[in-house]
Protein backbone atom coordinates (compact mmCIF):
# COMPACT_ATOMS: atom_id res chain seq x y z
CA MET A 1 -18.41 20.57 -32.00
CA ILE A 2 -15.73 18.64 -30.23
CA THR A 3 -15.60 18.85 -26.42
CA LYS A 4 -12.39 18.65 -24.60
CA GLU A 5 -12.22 15.83 -22.36
CA LYS A 6 -11.73 17.00 -18.60
CA PRO A 7 -8.24 16.16 -17.53
CA ARG A 8 -8.18 13.48 -14.89
CA MET A 9 -6.65 14.40 -11.50
CA GLY A 10 -3.29 12.67 -10.84
CA MET A 11 -2.36 10.79 -7.64
CA TYR A 12 -0.55 13.66 -6.19
CA GLU A 13 -3.45 16.18 -6.76
CA ASN A 14 -5.84 13.64 -5.12
CA VAL A 15 -3.52 13.50 -2.04
CA LYS A 16 -3.18 17.26 -1.77
CA HIS A 17 -6.97 17.74 -2.22
CA GLN A 18 -7.69 15.03 0.53
CA TYR A 19 -5.06 16.86 2.80
CA GLU A 20 -6.48 20.18 2.22
CA LYS A 21 -9.95 19.07 2.94
CA ALA A 22 -8.89 17.55 6.26
CA ALA A 23 -6.83 20.58 7.30
CA ASP A 24 -9.69 22.85 6.68
CA LEU A 25 -12.01 20.93 8.75
CA MET A 26 -9.75 20.42 11.63
CA ASN A 27 -8.48 23.92 11.39
CA LEU A 28 -4.85 22.73 11.22
CA THR A 29 -2.20 25.02 12.91
CA PRO A 30 -1.03 27.28 9.82
CA ALA A 31 2.68 26.46 10.58
CA VAL A 32 2.11 22.88 10.67
CA ARG A 33 -0.01 23.01 7.59
CA LYS A 34 2.77 24.53 5.58
CA ILE A 35 5.26 21.89 6.66
CA LEU A 36 3.10 19.01 5.86
CA ALA A 37 1.90 20.29 2.56
CA ILE A 38 5.29 19.67 1.13
CA THR A 39 8.04 16.73 1.14
CA ASN A 40 11.20 16.94 3.16
CA ASN A 41 13.58 15.33 0.66
CA GLU A 42 13.43 14.17 -2.88
CA ILE A 43 16.08 11.99 -4.22
CA VAL A 44 16.60 10.99 -7.86
CA VAL A 45 19.34 8.65 -8.85
CA HIS A 46 20.67 7.72 -12.43
CA PHE A 47 22.84 4.42 -12.45
CA PRO A 48 24.25 2.15 -15.10
CA VAL A 49 23.83 -1.73 -14.88
CA LYS A 50 25.25 -4.27 -17.23
CA MET A 51 22.70 -6.54 -18.74
CA ASP A 52 23.14 -10.34 -19.51
CA ASP A 53 24.03 -9.63 -23.13
CA GLY A 54 26.82 -7.28 -22.08
CA SER A 55 25.06 -4.09 -22.99
CA VAL A 56 24.68 -1.21 -20.38
CA GLU A 57 21.22 0.37 -19.50
CA VAL A 58 20.91 3.52 -17.37
CA PHE A 59 18.02 3.37 -14.93
CA THR A 60 16.26 6.08 -13.05
CA GLY A 61 15.45 5.56 -9.30
CA TYR A 62 13.26 7.59 -6.87
CA ARG A 63 13.20 7.94 -3.12
CA VAL A 64 10.78 10.64 -1.63
CA GLN A 65 10.94 11.41 1.89
CA HIS A 66 7.73 13.35 3.10
CA ASN A 67 7.94 13.89 6.84
CA ASN A 68 9.87 12.25 9.76
CA ALA A 69 8.39 14.13 12.76
CA LEU A 70 7.25 10.87 14.34
CA GLY A 71 10.31 8.71 13.48
CA PRO A 72 12.22 7.35 10.56
CA TYR A 73 10.82 7.52 6.95
CA LYS A 74 8.99 4.24 6.05
CA GLY A 75 7.57 2.99 2.87
CA GLY A 76 7.93 0.75 -0.14
CA LEU A 77 9.86 0.59 -3.38
CA ARG A 78 7.99 -0.37 -6.53
CA TYR A 79 9.22 -1.44 -9.82
CA HIS A 80 6.76 -0.34 -12.46
CA PRO A 81 6.60 1.87 -15.75
CA THR A 82 4.34 4.52 -14.06
CA VAL A 83 7.03 5.21 -11.15
CA ASP A 84 7.87 8.95 -11.38
CA ILE A 85 8.58 11.87 -8.97
CA ASP A 86 4.83 12.74 -8.57
CA ALA A 87 3.78 9.04 -7.89
CA ALA A 88 6.53 8.75 -5.33
CA ARG A 89 5.55 12.08 -3.71
CA ALA A 90 1.80 10.93 -3.39
CA LEU A 91 2.74 7.60 -2.10
CA ALA A 92 5.32 8.95 0.43
CA THR A 93 2.69 11.53 1.72
CA TRP A 94 0.13 8.52 2.18
CA MET A 95 2.69 6.66 4.06
CA THR A 96 3.09 9.48 6.64
CA TRP A 97 -0.59 9.53 7.28
CA LYS A 98 -0.80 5.78 7.34
CA THR A 99 1.87 5.29 9.83
CA SER A 100 0.55 8.06 12.02
CA LEU A 101 -3.00 6.59 11.97
CA ALA A 102 -1.50 3.19 12.95
CA GLY A 103 0.29 4.77 16.11
CA LEU A 104 3.70 3.88 14.66
CA PRO A 105 7.03 5.73 15.43
CA TYR A 106 7.47 6.23 11.72
CA GLY A 107 7.17 8.98 8.93
CA GLY A 108 6.47 8.47 5.35
CA GLY A 109 8.63 7.64 2.44
CA LYS A 110 8.33 5.80 -1.03
CA GLY A 111 10.13 5.32 -4.22
CA GLY A 112 11.28 2.90 -6.93
CA ILE A 113 12.62 2.53 -10.29
CA GLN A 114 10.78 3.24 -13.56
CA LEU A 115 10.79 -0.32 -15.38
CA ASP A 116 8.72 -3.28 -16.24
CA PRO A 117 10.64 -6.17 -14.29
CA SER A 118 8.97 -8.89 -16.69
CA LYS A 119 11.51 -7.58 -19.24
CA TYR A 120 14.47 -8.54 -17.21
CA SER A 121 16.19 -11.62 -16.10
CA ILE A 122 16.54 -12.61 -12.30
CA SER A 123 20.16 -11.87 -12.48
CA GLU A 124 19.59 -8.51 -14.05
CA LEU A 125 16.91 -7.69 -11.45
CA GLU A 126 19.47 -8.59 -8.91
CA ARG A 127 22.12 -6.09 -10.33
CA ILE A 128 19.58 -3.49 -10.91
CA THR A 129 18.46 -3.72 -7.23
CA ARG A 130 21.93 -3.87 -5.72
CA ARG A 131 23.11 -0.89 -7.71
CA PHE A 132 20.01 1.07 -6.87
CA THR A 133 20.69 0.53 -3.23
CA TYR A 134 24.34 1.49 -3.61
CA ALA A 135 23.15 4.72 -5.42
CA LEU A 136 20.74 5.54 -2.72
CA GLY A 137 23.77 5.28 -0.16
CA ASP A 138 23.08 6.86 3.29
CA ASN A 139 19.70 8.20 2.05
CA ILE A 140 18.40 5.05 3.45
CA GLY A 141 19.24 3.50 6.82
CA PRO A 142 17.65 1.49 9.70
CA GLU A 143 17.10 4.49 11.92
CA HIS A 144 16.61 6.97 8.92
CA ASP A 145 14.59 5.26 6.04
CA ILE A 146 13.62 1.93 5.90
CA PRO A 147 12.15 0.58 2.58
CA ALA A 148 9.91 -2.35 2.09
CA PRO A 149 8.46 -4.36 -0.87
CA ASP A 150 5.66 -2.63 -2.90
CA VAL A 151 4.34 -3.24 -6.43
CA ASN A 152 6.47 -5.82 -8.34
CA THR A 153 9.20 -5.98 -5.59
CA THR A 154 9.62 -9.12 -3.59
CA PRO A 155 11.20 -10.48 -0.35
CA GLN A 156 14.10 -11.60 -2.54
CA MET A 157 14.84 -8.12 -3.56
CA MET A 158 14.63 -6.93 -0.08
CA ALA A 159 17.21 -9.33 0.91
CA TRP A 160 19.50 -8.14 -1.93
CA ILE A 161 18.96 -4.58 -0.53
CA ALA A 162 19.76 -5.55 3.06
CA ASP A 163 22.95 -7.56 1.75
CA THR A 164 24.34 -4.74 -0.40
CA TYR A 165 23.52 -2.00 2.26
CA MET A 166 25.28 -4.15 5.01
CA SER A 167 28.18 -4.82 2.65
CA THR A 168 28.97 -1.10 2.67
CA LYS A 169 29.40 -0.96 6.44
CA SER A 170 32.46 -1.89 8.50
CA THR A 171 32.58 -5.67 9.52
CA ASN A 172 31.71 -4.97 13.08
CA GLU A 173 28.75 -2.82 12.30
CA ARG A 174 26.88 -5.08 9.64
CA THR A 175 24.58 -7.02 11.82
CA LYS A 176 23.43 -3.71 13.40
CA ASN A 177 21.85 -2.72 9.89
CA ALA A 178 19.80 -5.85 9.16
CA HIS A 179 16.60 -3.81 9.77
CA VAL A 180 17.50 -1.13 7.00
CA VAL A 181 14.58 -2.95 5.02
CA THR A 182 11.61 -5.05 6.00
CA GLY A 183 9.54 -7.54 4.12
CA LYS A 184 12.68 -9.92 3.80
CA PRO A 185 12.44 -13.63 3.52
CA VAL A 186 12.00 -15.27 6.89
CA GLY A 187 15.45 -17.04 6.54
CA ALA A 188 17.18 -13.67 6.08
CA GLY A 189 15.64 -12.00 9.20
CA GLY A 190 12.13 -11.47 7.92
CA LEU A 191 8.94 -11.77 9.92
CA GLU A 192 6.75 -14.86 9.92
CA GLY A 193 3.43 -13.67 8.44
CA ARG A 194 4.85 -10.40 6.80
CA ASP A 195 3.93 -11.79 3.38
CA ARG A 196 0.14 -11.88 4.29
CA ALA A 197 0.05 -8.92 6.67
CA THR A 198 -1.37 -6.43 4.16
CA GLY A 199 -4.05 -8.80 2.93
CA PHE A 200 -4.95 -9.96 6.45
CA GLY A 201 -5.26 -6.35 7.45
CA VAL A 202 -7.79 -5.61 4.61
CA VAL A 203 -9.85 -8.47 5.83
CA VAL A 204 -9.67 -7.18 9.49
CA SER A 205 -10.94 -3.75 8.29
CA ILE A 206 -13.71 -5.48 6.41
CA LYS A 207 -14.63 -7.37 9.66
CA GLU A 208 -14.77 -4.15 11.54
CA TRP A 209 -17.06 -2.71 8.88
CA ALA A 210 -19.34 -5.67 9.02
CA LYS A 211 -19.49 -5.73 12.74
CA LEU A 212 -20.29 -2.03 12.74
CA LYS A 213 -23.17 -2.68 10.32
CA SER A 214 -24.24 -5.98 11.83
CA TYR A 215 -23.51 -7.84 8.70
CA ASP A 216 -22.47 -11.55 8.35
CA LEU A 217 -19.59 -12.04 5.93
CA ARG A 218 -20.74 -15.61 5.28
CA GLY A 219 -22.29 -15.58 1.81
CA MET A 220 -21.46 -11.98 0.88
CA ARG A 221 -20.12 -11.82 -2.64
CA TYR A 222 -17.02 -9.85 -3.50
CA ILE A 223 -14.54 -8.94 -6.34
CA VAL A 224 -10.98 -8.23 -6.32
CA GLN A 225 -8.76 -6.16 -8.76
CA GLY A 226 -5.25 -7.38 -8.72
CA PHE A 227 -4.21 -10.88 -7.77
CA GLY A 228 -0.84 -10.27 -6.25
CA ASN A 229 0.29 -10.46 -2.79
CA VAL A 230 -2.52 -8.27 -1.37
CA GLY A 231 -5.42 -9.50 -3.61
CA PHE A 232 -4.82 -13.16 -2.98
CA TRP A 233 -4.20 -13.04 0.72
CA ALA A 234 -7.19 -10.89 1.18
CA SER A 235 -9.38 -13.46 -0.83
CA HIS A 236 -7.85 -16.36 1.17
CA PHE A 237 -8.82 -14.89 4.44
CA MET A 238 -12.29 -13.63 3.06
CA LYS A 239 -12.78 -17.42 2.09
CA GLN A 240 -12.13 -18.51 5.69
CA HIS A 241 -15.03 -16.12 6.67
CA GLY A 242 -17.33 -17.80 4.16
CA ALA A 243 -17.42 -14.84 1.62
CA ILE A 244 -17.77 -15.72 -2.11
CA LEU A 245 -15.24 -14.59 -4.64
CA VAL A 246 -17.19 -13.95 -7.95
CA GLY A 247 -14.82 -11.72 -10.10
CA VAL A 248 -11.06 -11.04 -10.31
CA GLN A 249 -9.17 -8.72 -12.49
CA ASP A 250 -5.56 -8.31 -13.34
CA ALA A 251 -3.42 -6.95 -16.01
CA SER A 252 -4.15 -10.05 -18.22
CA GLY A 253 -7.97 -9.72 -18.12
CA THR A 254 -11.00 -10.29 -16.02
CA ILE A 255 -12.65 -13.59 -15.04
CA TYR A 256 -16.19 -14.13 -13.47
CA ASN A 257 -18.24 -17.01 -11.89
CA ALA A 258 -21.36 -16.37 -10.18
CA ASP A 259 -21.02 -19.50 -8.16
CA GLY A 260 -17.74 -18.49 -6.75
CA ILE A 261 -13.98 -18.77 -7.56
CA ASP A 262 -11.67 -20.46 -5.23
CA PRO A 263 -8.69 -18.15 -4.46
CA ASP A 264 -6.41 -21.06 -3.51
CA GLN A 265 -6.98 -22.76 -6.73
CA LEU A 266 -6.77 -19.62 -8.62
CA ILE A 267 -3.24 -18.65 -7.03
CA VAL A 268 -1.93 -22.13 -7.98
CA TYR A 269 -2.97 -21.72 -11.69
CA ALA A 270 -1.69 -18.08 -11.93
CA GLN A 271 1.67 -19.31 -10.63
CA GLY A 272 1.89 -21.75 -13.44
CA ASN A 273 0.59 -19.13 -16.07
CA ASN A 274 3.22 -16.31 -15.73
CA HIS A 275 1.42 -14.94 -12.77
CA HIS A 276 -1.76 -14.15 -14.94
CA ILE A 277 -5.27 -15.26 -14.14
CA SER A 278 -6.67 -15.25 -17.67
CA GLY A 279 -7.75 -18.66 -18.96
CA PHE A 280 -8.67 -19.93 -15.40
CA PRO A 281 -10.72 -22.81 -16.49
CA GLN A 282 -13.13 -22.60 -13.46
CA ALA A 283 -14.43 -19.14 -14.56
CA SER A 284 -15.42 -17.40 -17.69
CA GLU A 285 -13.80 -14.26 -19.29
CA TYR A 286 -15.66 -11.08 -18.69
CA PRO A 287 -15.56 -7.48 -20.18
CA THR A 288 -12.66 -5.67 -18.46
CA SER A 289 -14.57 -2.27 -18.78
CA ASP A 290 -17.56 -3.75 -16.80
CA PHE A 291 -15.61 -5.11 -13.98
CA PHE A 292 -16.55 -2.62 -11.16
CA ALA A 293 -20.13 -2.86 -12.29
CA LEU A 294 -20.45 -6.45 -11.35
CA ASP A 295 -23.27 -7.46 -8.90
CA CYS A 296 -21.48 -7.91 -5.54
CA ASP A 297 -21.42 -6.80 -1.97
CA ILE A 298 -17.78 -5.76 -1.53
CA ILE A 299 -15.17 -4.54 -3.89
CA ILE A 300 -11.45 -4.98 -3.04
CA PRO A 301 -9.26 -2.77 -5.40
CA ALA A 302 -5.76 -4.28 -4.68
CA ALA A 303 -3.87 -3.01 -7.84
CA MET A 304 -2.87 0.47 -8.95
CA GLY A 305 -4.22 3.98 -8.05
CA ASN A 306 -7.06 5.98 -9.93
CA GLN A 307 -8.97 2.92 -10.86
CA ILE A 308 -12.51 3.96 -9.53
CA THR A 309 -13.15 7.35 -11.04
CA GLY A 310 -15.95 9.60 -11.89
CA GLU A 311 -16.60 7.50 -15.15
CA ASN A 312 -17.38 4.11 -13.41
CA ALA A 313 -18.41 5.11 -10.02
CA GLU A 314 -22.14 5.45 -10.91
CA THR A 315 -22.24 1.84 -12.22
CA ILE A 316 -20.93 0.31 -8.92
CA LYS A 317 -23.49 -2.06 -7.19
CA ALA A 318 -21.58 -2.93 -4.19
CA MET A 319 -22.23 -1.76 -0.69
CA MET A 320 -18.61 -1.18 0.18
CA ILE A 321 -15.13 -0.68 -1.29
CA ALA A 322 -12.19 -1.86 0.78
CA GLU A 323 -9.06 0.04 -0.44
CA GLY A 324 -6.34 -2.64 -0.57
CA ALA A 325 -4.25 -0.36 -3.01
CA ASN A 326 -3.13 3.00 -2.51
CA GLY A 327 -5.28 5.83 -3.90
CA PRO A 328 -7.61 3.25 -6.06
CA VAL A 329 -10.61 5.88 -5.74
CA ASP A 330 -10.08 9.30 -7.08
CA VAL A 331 -11.65 12.52 -5.73
CA GLU A 332 -14.54 12.70 -8.04
CA ALA A 333 -15.55 9.15 -7.51
CA ASP A 334 -15.23 9.67 -3.61
CA ASN A 335 -17.79 12.35 -3.85
CA ILE A 336 -20.16 10.22 -6.06
CA LEU A 337 -19.77 7.10 -3.69
CA PHE A 338 -20.39 9.25 -0.63
CA GLU A 339 -23.65 10.63 -2.19
CA ARG A 340 -24.71 7.15 -3.14
CA ASN A 341 -24.09 5.82 0.51
CA ILE A 342 -21.49 3.36 -0.67
CA ASP A 343 -19.03 2.95 2.33
CA VAL A 344 -15.25 3.31 1.48
CA ILE A 345 -12.80 1.99 3.90
CA PRO A 346 -9.81 4.37 3.16
CA ASP A 347 -6.40 3.03 2.09
CA ILE A 348 -4.45 4.71 4.85
CA TYR A 349 -6.41 2.36 7.28
CA CYS A 350 -7.33 -0.45 5.25
CA ASN A 351 -4.09 -1.57 3.82
CA SER A 352 -2.06 -0.49 6.96
CA GLY A 353 -1.55 -4.23 7.82
CA GLY A 354 1.59 -4.18 5.69
CA VAL A 355 3.33 -1.37 7.43
CA ILE A 356 2.27 -2.75 10.90
CA GLY A 357 3.95 -6.07 9.88
CA SER A 358 6.95 -4.10 8.75
CA TYR A 359 7.14 -2.48 12.20
CA PHE A 360 7.04 -5.84 13.92
CA GLU A 361 9.89 -7.09 11.62
CA TRP A 362 11.91 -3.93 12.33
CA LEU A 363 11.37 -4.49 16.13
CA GLN A 364 12.23 -8.15 15.80
CA ASN A 365 15.49 -7.39 13.93
CA ARG A 366 16.28 -4.46 16.34
CA ASN A 367 15.94 -6.44 19.38
CA GLY A 368 17.32 -9.90 18.33
CA GLU A 369 13.96 -11.53 18.75
CA LEU A 370 11.87 -14.13 16.84
CA TRP A 371 8.14 -13.66 16.65
CA GLN A 372 5.66 -16.47 15.76
CA MET A 373 3.03 -16.18 13.01
CA ASP A 374 -0.07 -16.37 15.55
CA GLU A 375 1.52 -13.70 17.69
CA VAL A 376 2.06 -11.48 14.69
CA LEU A 377 -1.50 -11.75 13.37
CA THR A 378 -3.01 -11.38 16.78
CA LYS A 379 -0.99 -8.14 17.42
CA LEU A 380 -1.87 -6.81 13.90
CA GLU A 381 -5.61 -7.35 14.38
CA SER A 382 -5.54 -5.56 17.74
CA LYS A 383 -3.62 -2.65 16.32
CA MET A 384 -6.20 -2.30 13.60
CA GLY A 385 -9.19 -2.63 15.84
CA GLN A 386 -7.83 0.43 17.83
CA SER A 387 -7.28 2.41 14.69
CA PHE A 388 -10.90 1.75 13.50
CA LYS A 389 -12.30 2.97 16.79
CA LYS A 390 -10.36 6.13 16.50
CA LEU A 391 -11.48 6.57 12.80
CA LEU A 392 -15.18 6.27 13.88
CA ASN A 393 -14.92 8.57 16.82
CA THR A 394 -13.24 11.23 14.55
CA ALA A 395 -15.94 10.94 11.90
CA ASN A 396 -18.58 11.47 14.58
CA GLU A 397 -16.67 14.44 16.11
CA PHE A 398 -16.28 16.35 12.76
CA HIS A 399 -19.48 14.95 11.02
CA THR A 400 -17.51 13.60 8.08
CA ASP A 401 -16.66 10.87 5.83
CA TRP A 402 -14.14 7.93 6.93
CA ARG A 403 -11.40 9.06 4.61
CA THR A 404 -11.38 12.64 6.00
CA SER A 405 -11.61 11.46 9.65
CA ALA A 406 -8.71 9.03 9.05
CA TYR A 407 -6.58 12.02 7.71
CA ILE A 408 -7.70 14.18 10.66
CA GLU A 409 -6.68 11.55 13.18
CA ALA A 410 -3.32 10.95 11.47
CA ILE A 411 -2.42 14.70 11.04
CA ARG A 412 -3.58 15.44 14.58
CA ARG A 413 -0.74 13.13 15.96
CA ILE A 414 1.71 14.81 13.96
CA GLU A 415 0.47 18.33 14.77
CA GLN A 416 0.79 17.50 18.43
CA ALA A 417 4.53 16.44 17.95
CA TYR A 418 5.41 19.78 16.24
CA ILE A 419 3.44 21.82 18.89
CA GLN A 420 5.09 20.15 21.88
CA ARG A 421 8.61 19.94 20.44
CA GLY A 422 8.60 23.43 18.69
CA ILE A 423 10.30 24.04 15.29
CA PHE A 424 14.06 24.43 15.22
CA PRO A 425 15.61 26.81 15.56
């Protein structure tokens, strides 16, 4: 007899499930519950771009704006074949919770273009990015919706967006719009330390966990999925605390070395290998399907969503998972990990260093200031320390897991804004 495989829950279904669980537990005000269950705006744009060979391709871009009760929409733009309206909805909703939990004056937005950037030249990517910006028009803006880098988007792309957007404004208004995006190169109004803010924040969250459990990170073994911006910087800072990287996985394959992999050597190798880790001489190839079952203390998933599922959660040997990516653990896996007493530091807290860094850049541009690296990282660590205390207090108050407590803490702040201000008209 052929048994039907149970369909896997998508990212947006995961988000909705997590939201409903928190809303039930906190007895969320019914009117606010209805508002937060849906997105405010969903923008889909189709736009033509001329390719290097003279042909024309039409691309589809998305921007979903979930909620702006606390301030302008904020969130990244990703260039990836999996980008669609449901993914954008899920990521925008997560951004609302993330910015609220971090205590920022922002709401949540997300978007991107459905494409594989490796198939296009730099000049084509520039034209695609600029044309996407023009197509979005006034759906983005420095006091309305502020994009940032995400999967496969770079500081250079943010500079193109800023330049294009500013060029659509009158001459005397242009410099007032430099903070329409964050994550720009330092020379184009970016923030020192923004490149490493997300990875640094992941390690801050791991340090908070270790302090709570009275663990020493020195000698702890960890693995990282994804060796882009977040995965590398998280590994770089983990190395500074004496932790040992034993396994890394990216789209090109999986590598393993029980004696340790130097992340700084690996990034140099990857940069010369089309940004792929496969073939790194100081490690062995390892079966990709067995990656999460590696013998280690900490797992840092820093790639895409829905990577740890009901199918592989039982094989995990780690004590803790730090969600560097958005939604890497699905609902079924969450329940299994909770039953197995494996701690999960939830994404809306763990990877919030990026949006906190973006907030600092936005302030810097808005106020005409220049912040130094040490100042940025010190402020970021302090802010994440405060959020972790709130997360723990709420978990104790509601006798629940960390993910649900992070949601409750984030939603409570938005609920309070609606209750105090009322709903127009």
